[in-house]
Protein backbone atom coordinates (compact mmCIF):
# COMPACT_ATOMS: atom_id res chain seq x y z
CA MET A 1 -18.09 16.72 -34.62
CA PRO A 2 -19.28 16.22 -31.04
CA GLN A 3 -16.36 13.92 -30.16
CA LEU A 4 -13.99 16.88 -30.31
CA ASN A 5 -15.98 18.94 -27.81
CA PRO A 6 -14.01 18.49 -24.53
CA THR A 7 -16.59 20.05 -22.25
CA PRO A 8 -18.72 16.99 -21.33
CA TRP A 9 -15.74 14.62 -21.24
CA PHE A 10 -13.71 16.91 -19.03
CA ALA A 11 -16.63 17.17 -16.60
CA ILE A 12 -16.99 13.39 -16.56
CA LEU A 13 -13.26 13.05 -15.90
CA VAL A 14 -13.33 15.54 -13.04
CA PHE A 15 -16.42 14.05 -11.39
CA SER A 16 -15.10 10.51 -11.68
CA TRP A 17 -11.81 11.56 -10.02
CA LEU A 18 -13.72 13.33 -7.26
CA ILE A 19 -15.69 10.16 -6.62
CA PHE A 20 -12.53 8.05 -6.60
CA LEU A 21 -10.80 10.46 -4.21
CA ALA A 22 -13.82 10.58 -1.90
CA VAL A 23 -14.65 6.84 -1.79
CA ILE A 24 -11.46 4.84 -2.14
CA PRO A 25 -9.04 6.46 0.40
CA PRO A 26 -11.29 5.91 3.44
CA LYS A 27 -11.73 2.27 2.46
CA VAL A 28 -7.99 1.80 2.07
CA MET A 29 -7.16 3.61 5.29
CA ALA A 30 -9.71 1.54 7.22
CA HIS A 31 -7.94 -1.68 6.23
CA THR A 32 -6.42 -3.56 9.13
CA PHE A 33 -3.95 -6.39 8.96
CA PRO A 34 -5.03 -9.66 10.58
CA ASN A 35 -1.61 -10.14 12.18
CA GLU A 36 -0.26 -7.00 13.77
CA PRO A 37 3.54 -6.84 13.76
CA THR A 38 5.22 -7.43 17.09
CA LEU A 39 8.23 -5.52 18.33
CA GLN A 40 11.42 -7.50 18.38
CA SER A 41 13.85 -7.32 21.24
CA ALA A 42 16.95 -5.20 20.90
CA GLU A 43 19.20 -8.05 22.06
CA GLN A 44 21.28 -9.71 19.41
CA PRO A 45 21.04 -13.50 19.49
CA LYS A 46 24.26 -15.25 20.35
CA THR A 47 25.67 -17.00 17.33
CA ASP A 48 28.31 -19.70 17.58
CA SER A 49 30.83 -20.23 14.85
CA TRP A 50 30.72 -23.49 12.99
CA THR A 51 33.21 -26.18 13.76
CA TRP A 52 34.21 -27.88 10.55
CA PRO A 53 35.44 -31.41 11.24
CA TRP A 54 37.61 -31.65 8.14
CA GLN A 55 39.78 -28.60 8.84
């Protein structure tokens, strides 16, 4: 039965993975975000405690 012969299917598997590893990573690594993140200041904002009128 030719379906049980792993030789052509293993070669197809290996070549398809080589193509995926050669084509997809450069495309993913070349992706840039439209909005670059900005650095936030190290200062903590001053927060006031709430004044509850009913206490």
